[in-house]
Amino acid sequence: MKKPLIASVLAFSTLLAACGGAAPVATNAPTTGGTTAANPCAVPVKAKCPDEASELVGAGATFPAPIYTKWVSEYNKLTGIQINYQPVGSGGGIKSLTDKTVDYGATDGPMTEAQLAAAGGASAVLHIPMVMGAVVPTYNIPGVTASLKFTPEVLAGIYLEQIKKWNDPKLTAINPGVTLPDAAITTVHRSDGSGTTYVWTDYLSKISPEWKTRVGFANSVNWPGGLGASGNAGVAGSVKNTSGAIGYVELIYAIQNKLGYGMVQNAKSKFVEATLDSVTKAADGVTLPADMRVSITNSENADAYPISTFTWTLAYTEIANKSKAIAIARYFWWSTHEGQAFAKDLGYAPLPAGVVTKAEGMIRSITTGGVAALPK
């Protein structure tokens, strides 16, 4: 039965050639409806890629934990991939990435040169922006429900333990019409290595020479006083349970705990509330470096909230485990694209289009065995 079939094909090819046509060319490419099938490992992510890992472990910042939790849930529905994100603080995320005990890290404060060196060098680790958010001064003052105003001088004075009472003249002068009590102020700060602390102290160092000299900025600093608590949730909880307390947390933690949070005077002397728009404005006009390690606190934009920041995921540029490299790159791509749709409802500002473009380039630079983890 095979010989007549072969003869028929050869005869058809000869006839086609004689008529000025070309013989059909065999191809191994899978087709669907006459078109080449899409690579299931390409982006945008539609379903699980057969070559990627089924599980990932990440650790780091508590600042973006609410949206990361949402992303993990939604991504699991889409792909079936199990992602275990541990909100241990930015310092813990950097250490875990460096020690290679997790697949990726997360931080609100860019890694220092020393930290990058410990992880293999500046080119070894990527800082991929995920969303933008605000760190707000949140407080618990009995009888006060108004949104207070804070100047840079007042915030620095409170955390330097120089302004000790809520009815201090420097506070009452900028909050006319609000009856502030003769009550002691208790400052609350992070006890763990924290990107939120980095953002807060980075801001204070920009607006207060005394703070910069005495305390400085980092994920962990030597505080002049006050109470320590672990994580954004811990600080929010301590403020909620301590009469007269003030702390600093990512906006969503103040909202979830029904705590008051204040407007902060920006670089143009305008009191601004932390909103999605005012956070986005903080990135306007900022020159973004190639590695995206940038501070946007104390923005010169007149409409910007002054204690705003990007938050980053951290990944090695070269990932030896191919299945995990593919899974990480695809999850980061989805997060910086489809995942942005969940940001606003959780109090975060989505990435500006120009930042998404930079993130795309960084994600595409992830390699495994020297080959790009994402197919083109």
Protein backbone atom coordinates (compact mmCIF):
# COMPACT_ATOMS: atom_id res chain seq x y z
CA MET A 1 0.00 0.00 0.00
CA LYS A 2 2.91 2.38 0.64
CA LYS A 3 4.46 2.24 -2.89
CA PRO A 4 1.43 3.62 -4.75
CA LEU A 5 1.19 6.46 -2.21
CA ILE A 6 4.85 7.43 -2.70
CA ALA A 7 4.44 7.22 -6.45
CA SER A 8 1.40 9.47 -6.31
CA VAL A 9 3.27 12.10 -4.28
CA LEU A 10 6.23 12.06 -6.70
CA ALA A 11 3.89 12.32 -9.67
CA PHE A 12 2.09 15.28 -8.08
CA SER A 13 5.42 17.02 -7.40
CA THR A 14 6.53 16.48 -11.02
CA LEU A 15 3.24 17.81 -12.37
CA LEU A 16 3.36 20.86 -10.07
CA ALA A 17 6.93 21.66 -11.14
CA ALA A 18 5.96 21.33 -14.81
CA CYS A 19 3.19 23.86 -14.29
CA GLY A 20 5.62 26.38 -12.83
CA GLY A 21 4.68 25.69 -9.20
CA ALA A 22 6.75 24.38 -6.30
CA ALA A 23 6.51 21.11 -4.48
CA PRO A 24 5.12 21.32 -0.94
CA VAL A 25 7.76 21.71 1.80
CA ALA A 26 7.47 19.52 4.91
CA THR A 27 7.56 21.26 8.28
CA ASN A 28 7.76 20.07 11.87
CA ALA A 29 6.10 23.23 13.30
CA PRO A 30 2.85 22.51 15.15
CA THR A 31 -0.11 24.25 13.58
CA THR A 32 -3.56 25.25 14.75
CA GLY A 33 -6.07 26.32 12.14
CA GLY A 34 -3.29 26.77 9.58
CA THR A 35 -1.10 28.99 11.82
CA THR A 36 1.95 28.22 13.94
CA ALA A 37 0.96 27.44 17.54
CA ALA A 38 2.06 29.95 20.18
CA ASN A 39 4.92 29.02 22.49
CA PRO A 40 3.25 28.13 25.82
CA CYS A 41 6.28 29.52 27.68
CA ALA A 42 6.14 32.95 26.04
CA VAL A 43 4.49 36.03 27.51
CA PRO A 44 1.89 37.27 28.19
CA VAL A 45 1.21 34.43 30.60
CA LYS A 46 -1.94 32.49 29.71
CA ALA A 47 -1.37 29.19 31.53
CA LYS A 48 1.42 27.13 33.05
CA CYS A 49 4.47 26.57 30.88
CA PRO A 50 5.39 22.85 30.78
CA ASP A 51 9.07 23.72 31.30
CA GLU A 52 8.70 25.91 34.39
CA ALA A 53 8.86 25.00 38.07
CA SER A 54 5.63 24.32 39.92
CA GLU A 55 6.77 26.03 43.12
CA LEU A 56 8.72 29.18 44.05
CA VAL A 57 9.78 30.67 47.37
CA GLY A 58 10.31 34.38 47.90
CA ALA A 59 10.99 36.51 50.98
CA GLY A 60 11.41 40.13 51.93
CA ALA A 61 9.55 43.40 52.30
CA THR A 62 6.35 43.66 54.35
CA PHE A 63 5.52 46.98 52.63
CA PRO A 64 4.11 45.25 49.48
CA ALA A 65 2.93 42.08 51.26
CA PRO A 66 -0.80 42.79 50.74
CA ILE A 67 -0.47 43.07 46.97
CA TYR A 68 2.05 40.23 46.76
CA THR A 69 -0.44 38.01 48.60
CA LYS A 70 -3.11 38.96 46.06
CA TRP A 71 -0.78 38.32 43.16
CA VAL A 72 0.21 34.89 44.47
CA SER A 73 -3.46 33.92 44.72
CA GLU A 74 -4.42 35.21 41.27
CA TYR A 75 -1.34 33.74 39.61
CA ASN A 76 -2.07 30.35 41.15
CA LYS A 77 -5.58 30.46 39.66
CA LEU A 78 -4.08 31.19 36.25
CA THR A 79 -1.13 28.80 36.24
CA GLY A 80 -1.44 26.42 39.19
CA ILE A 81 2.01 27.50 40.39
CA GLN A 82 2.45 27.61 44.17
CA ILE A 83 4.38 30.68 45.35
CA ASN A 84 5.29 30.98 49.01
CA TYR A 85 6.13 34.61 49.80
CA GLN A 86 7.44 35.23 53.32
CA PRO A 87 7.13 38.88 54.52
CA VAL A 88 10.21 38.90 56.76
CA GLY A 89 11.32 42.48 56.04
CA SER A 90 13.61 43.88 53.36
CA GLY A 91 16.75 43.05 55.31
CA GLY A 92 15.66 39.44 55.59
CA GLY A 93 14.84 39.35 51.90
CA ILE A 94 18.27 40.63 50.92
CA LYS A 95 19.99 38.14 53.24
CA SER A 96 17.88 35.23 52.01
CA LEU A 97 18.65 36.08 48.39
CA THR A 98 22.36 36.43 49.16
CA ASP A 99 22.37 33.11 51.02
CA LYS A 100 20.36 31.56 48.17
CA THR A 101 17.79 30.10 50.54
CA VAL A 102 14.95 31.58 48.43
CA ASP A 103 14.27 31.84 44.72
CA TYR A 104 13.79 35.61 44.79
CA GLY A 105 13.86 38.47 47.29
CA ALA A 106 12.00 41.73 47.79
CA THR A 107 12.98 45.09 49.21
CA ASP A 108 11.80 48.69 49.58
CA GLY A 109 15.35 49.97 50.03
CA PRO A 110 17.86 49.33 47.22
CA MET A 111 20.76 47.04 48.08
CA THR A 112 23.94 48.86 49.07
CA GLU A 113 27.22 48.41 47.23
CA ALA A 114 28.45 46.18 50.05
CA GLN A 115 25.32 44.03 49.86
CA LEU A 116 25.64 43.73 46.10
CA ALA A 117 29.27 42.73 46.45
CA ALA A 118 28.29 40.00 48.92
CA ALA A 119 25.71 38.73 46.41
CA GLY A 120 28.20 38.52 43.55
CA GLY A 121 28.50 42.09 42.30
CA ALA A 122 26.33 44.88 40.94
CA SER A 123 25.63 43.04 37.67
CA ALA A 124 24.63 39.82 39.43
CA VAL A 125 21.36 41.06 40.96
CA LEU A 126 18.39 42.77 39.35
CA HIS A 127 16.17 45.33 41.10
CA ILE A 128 12.86 44.99 39.28
CA PRO A 129 10.23 47.62 40.23
CA MET A 130 6.82 46.15 41.09
CA VAL A 131 4.55 48.97 42.33
CA MET A 132 4.80 52.35 44.06
CA GLY A 133 3.57 53.18 47.52
CA ALA A 134 3.59 55.69 50.36
CA VAL A 135 4.96 55.57 53.89
CA VAL A 136 2.68 57.59 56.16
CA PRO A 137 2.93 58.93 59.71
CA THR A 138 0.12 57.16 61.56
CA TYR A 139 -1.01 58.02 65.08
CA ASN A 140 -3.32 57.19 67.95
CA ILE A 141 -4.38 60.35 69.79
CA PRO A 142 -7.45 59.96 72.04
CA GLY A 143 -10.19 62.38 71.01
CA VAL A 144 -8.48 63.40 67.74
CA THR A 145 -10.03 62.16 64.51
CA ALA A 146 -8.81 64.91 62.19
CA SER A 147 -6.10 64.30 59.62
CA LEU A 148 -3.10 66.10 61.09
CA LYS A 149 -0.55 68.09 59.17
CA PHE A 150 3.17 67.45 59.61
CA THR A 151 6.08 69.56 58.45
CA PRO A 152 9.48 67.99 57.81
CA GLU A 153 10.78 69.85 60.87
CA VAL A 154 8.06 68.38 63.08
CA LEU A 155 8.54 64.77 61.88
CA ALA A 156 12.28 64.97 62.42
CA GLY A 157 11.77 66.64 65.81
CA ILE A 158 9.37 63.93 66.96
CA TYR A 159 11.67 61.07 65.98
CA LEU A 160 14.72 62.86 67.40
CA GLU A 161 12.75 62.87 70.67
CA GLN A 162 12.85 66.68 70.76
CA ILE A 163 9.10 67.22 70.36
CA LYS A 164 7.65 65.25 73.25
CA LYS A 165 4.03 66.41 73.62
CA TRP A 166 1.14 66.43 71.17
CA ASN A 167 0.29 70.02 72.09
CA ASP A 168 3.80 71.26 71.32
CA PRO A 169 3.55 74.73 69.71
CA LYS A 170 5.19 73.46 66.52
CA LEU A 171 2.32 70.99 66.09
CA THR A 172 -0.54 73.26 67.16
CA ALA A 173 0.65 76.06 64.86
CA ILE A 174 0.23 73.92 61.72
CA ASN A 175 -3.03 72.33 62.89
CA PRO A 176 -5.35 75.24 63.71
CA GLY A 177 -8.81 74.17 64.77
CA VAL A 178 -7.59 70.83 66.13
CA THR A 179 -7.45 70.45 69.90
CA LEU A 180 -4.30 68.49 70.59
CA PRO A 181 -3.95 67.08 74.13
CA ASP A 182 -1.23 67.62 76.68
CA ALA A 183 -0.16 64.03 76.19
CA ALA A 184 3.21 62.39 75.72
CA ILE A 185 4.25 61.25 72.26
CA THR A 186 5.53 57.66 71.98
CA THR A 187 7.41 56.93 68.77
CA VAL A 188 7.19 53.48 67.25
CA HIS A 189 9.75 52.16 64.77
CA ARG A 190 10.68 48.92 63.06
CA SER A 191 12.79 46.52 65.09
CA ASP A 192 13.68 44.39 62.05
CA GLY A 193 15.72 45.24 58.97
CA SER A 194 13.16 47.12 56.94
CA GLY A 195 12.82 48.81 53.58
CA THR A 196 10.04 50.91 55.10
CA THR A 197 12.61 52.15 57.61
CA TYR A 198 14.98 52.84 54.72
CA VAL A 199 12.37 55.02 53.01
CA TRP A 200 11.43 56.83 56.25
CA THR A 201 15.02 57.51 57.28
CA ASP A 202 16.06 58.37 53.72
CA TYR A 203 13.38 61.07 53.79
CA LEU A 204 14.37 62.34 57.25
CA SER A 205 18.03 62.49 56.17
CA LYS A 206 17.09 64.66 53.18
CA ILE A 207 15.09 67.17 55.20
CA SER A 208 17.07 67.25 58.47
CA PRO A 209 20.85 67.73 58.59
CA GLU A 210 20.77 66.78 62.28
CA TRP A 211 19.01 63.51 61.51
CA LYS A 212 21.46 62.74 58.73
CA THR A 213 24.42 63.35 61.04
CA ARG A 214 23.07 61.66 64.18
CA VAL A 215 21.09 58.74 62.74
CA GLY A 216 21.42 58.50 58.96
CA PHE A 217 19.46 56.17 56.71
CA ALA A 218 19.48 52.39 56.26
CA ASN A 219 17.26 49.36 56.67
CA SER A 220 18.26 49.43 60.35
CA VAL A 221 19.43 52.45 62.36
CA ASN A 222 20.17 53.35 65.98
CA TRP A 223 16.96 55.07 67.03
CA PRO A 224 17.10 57.98 69.48
CA GLY A 225 14.26 56.35 71.44
CA GLY A 226 10.81 54.84 71.20
CA LEU A 227 9.32 51.38 70.87
CA GLY A 228 10.31 48.76 68.31
CA ALA A 229 7.95 46.41 66.48
CA SER A 230 8.43 43.84 63.73
CA GLY A 231 6.94 44.42 60.29
CA ASN A 232 4.49 47.02 59.04
CA ALA A 233 1.73 45.05 60.75
CA GLY A 234 3.65 45.12 64.03
CA VAL A 235 4.13 48.90 63.93
CA ALA A 236 0.47 49.46 63.05
CA GLY A 237 -0.56 47.17 65.91
CA SER A 238 1.69 48.95 68.42
CA VAL A 239 0.33 52.35 67.39
CA LYS A 240 -3.23 51.07 67.65
CA ASN A 241 -2.61 49.70 71.15
CA THR A 242 -0.55 52.61 72.51
CA SER A 243 -2.27 55.85 73.47
CA GLY A 244 -0.33 58.85 72.15
CA ALA A 245 1.75 56.78 69.74
CA ILE A 246 3.03 57.71 66.29
CA GLY A 247 4.58 55.30 63.80
CA TYR A 248 5.39 54.98 60.11
CA VAL A 249 3.76 52.33 57.90
CA GLU A 250 2.82 51.66 54.30
CA LEU A 251 -0.51 53.35 53.60
CA ILE A 252 -2.64 50.19 53.39
CA TYR A 253 -1.66 49.18 56.95
CA ALA A 254 -3.00 52.46 58.34
CA ILE A 255 -6.22 52.04 56.36
CA GLN A 256 -6.71 48.40 57.36
CA ASN A 257 -6.17 49.22 61.05
CA LYS A 258 -8.45 52.28 60.87
CA LEU A 259 -5.67 54.54 62.10
CA GLY A 260 -5.37 58.23 61.37
CA TYR A 261 -2.55 59.23 59.07
CA GLY A 262 -1.27 62.68 58.31
CA MET A 263 -0.61 64.99 55.41
CA VAL A 264 3.06 65.87 54.97
CA GLN A 265 4.47 69.15 53.71
CA ASN A 266 6.48 68.51 50.57
CA ALA A 267 9.52 70.20 49.04
CA LYS A 268 7.30 72.95 47.58
CA SER A 269 5.76 73.68 51.04
CA LYS A 270 2.44 72.10 50.08
CA PHE A 271 0.67 69.77 52.53
CA VAL A 272 -0.14 66.63 50.54
CA GLU A 273 -2.14 63.54 51.41
CA ALA A 274 -0.86 60.14 50.33
CA THR A 275 -3.00 59.16 47.33
CA LEU A 276 -2.40 57.10 44.21
CA ASP A 277 -1.96 60.30 42.19
CA SER A 278 0.36 62.05 44.64
CA VAL A 279 2.55 58.93 44.87
CA THR A 280 2.77 58.65 41.08
CA LYS A 281 3.71 62.34 40.90
CA ALA A 282 6.78 61.59 43.02
CA ALA A 283 8.34 59.75 40.08
CA ASP A 284 7.66 62.54 37.58
CA GLY A 285 10.83 64.20 36.36
CA VAL A 286 13.11 61.73 38.15
CA THR A 287 15.99 60.37 36.09
CA LEU A 288 15.72 56.60 36.37
CA PRO A 289 19.08 54.81 36.38
CA ALA A 290 19.59 51.63 34.39
CA ASP A 291 19.63 49.50 37.53
CA MET A 292 16.49 51.22 38.92
CA ARG A 293 18.07 51.77 42.35
CA VAL A 294 16.52 55.18 42.83
CA SER A 295 15.08 57.25 45.66
CA ILE A 296 11.99 59.36 44.99
CA THR A 297 11.51 60.77 48.50
CA ASN A 298 11.18 64.55 48.91
CA SER A 299 10.29 65.00 45.23
CA GLU A 300 10.43 68.50 43.77
CA ASN A 301 7.06 67.98 42.10
CA ALA A 302 4.57 70.38 43.69
CA ASP A 303 1.82 67.73 43.78
CA ALA A 304 3.94 64.83 45.02
CA TYR A 305 3.55 63.09 48.36
CA PRO A 306 7.09 63.38 49.77
CA ILE A 307 7.53 59.94 51.38
CA SER A 308 6.92 57.79 48.30
CA THR A 309 8.90 54.87 46.94
CA PHE A 310 9.17 52.08 44.46
CA THR A 311 9.29 48.57 45.85
CA TRP A 312 11.45 45.99 44.09
CA THR A 313 11.75 42.26 43.66
CA LEU A 314 15.31 40.93 43.58
CA ALA A 315 16.55 38.16 41.33
CA TYR A 316 19.88 36.92 40.10
CA THR A 317 20.63 37.77 36.48
CA GLU A 318 21.82 34.21 35.85
CA ILE A 319 19.75 31.42 37.45
CA ALA A 320 21.22 27.94 37.11
CA ASN A 321 17.96 26.07 37.62
CA LYS A 322 16.24 26.41 34.23
CA SER A 323 12.72 25.58 35.39
CA LYS A 324 12.90 28.13 38.19
CA ALA A 325 14.44 30.78 35.93
CA ILE A 326 11.49 30.44 33.54
CA ALA A 327 8.96 30.50 36.40
CA ILE A 328 10.52 33.58 38.01
CA ALA A 329 10.72 35.54 34.75
CA ARG A 330 7.13 34.71 33.81
CA TYR A 331 5.76 35.56 37.26
CA PHE A 332 7.62 38.91 37.28
CA TRP A 333 6.32 39.68 33.79
CA TRP A 334 2.72 38.98 34.83
CA SER A 335 3.18 41.07 38.00
CA THR A 336 4.43 44.11 36.12
CA HIS A 337 1.68 43.82 33.51
CA GLU A 338 -1.62 42.09 34.35
CA GLY A 339 -0.87 42.22 38.07
CA GLN A 340 -0.89 46.02 38.05
CA ALA A 341 -4.70 45.94 37.76
CA PHE A 342 -4.90 44.92 41.44
CA ALA A 343 -2.69 47.76 42.75
CA LYS A 344 -5.17 50.59 43.22
CA ASP A 345 -7.68 48.62 45.26
CA LEU A 346 -4.92 47.78 47.73
CA GLY A 347 -3.57 51.32 48.08
CA TYR A 348 -0.59 51.07 45.73
CA ALA A 349 0.14 53.14 42.63
CA PRO A 350 0.65 51.15 39.41
CA LEU A 351 3.96 51.52 37.61
CA PRO A 352 4.18 54.33 35.05
CA ALA A 353 4.45 53.12 31.44
CA GLY A 354 8.11 54.12 31.17
CA VAL A 355 8.99 52.10 34.27
CA VAL A 356 7.15 49.06 32.91
CA THR A 357 9.31 49.28 29.80
CA LYS A 358 12.45 49.30 31.95
CA ALA A 359 11.12 46.35 33.94
CA GLU A 360 10.52 44.41 30.71
CA GLY A 361 14.13 44.84 29.70
CA MET A 362 15.36 43.67 33.09
CA ILE A 363 13.11 40.61 33.12
CA ARG A 364 14.23 39.66 29.62
CA SER A 365 17.84 39.88 30.81
CA ILE A 366 17.32 36.93 33.20
CA THR A 367 19.27 33.99 31.80
CA THR A 368 19.74 30.31 32.53
CA GLY A 369 22.87 28.67 31.18
CA GLY A 370 23.53 31.94 29.34
CA VAL A 371 20.21 31.68 27.45
CA ALA A 372 17.28 34.04 28.04
CA ALA A 373 14.68 32.51 30.36
CA LEU A 374 11.87 34.10 28.36
CA PRO A 375 11.54 33.11 24.71
CA LYS A 376 11.36 36.01 22.28
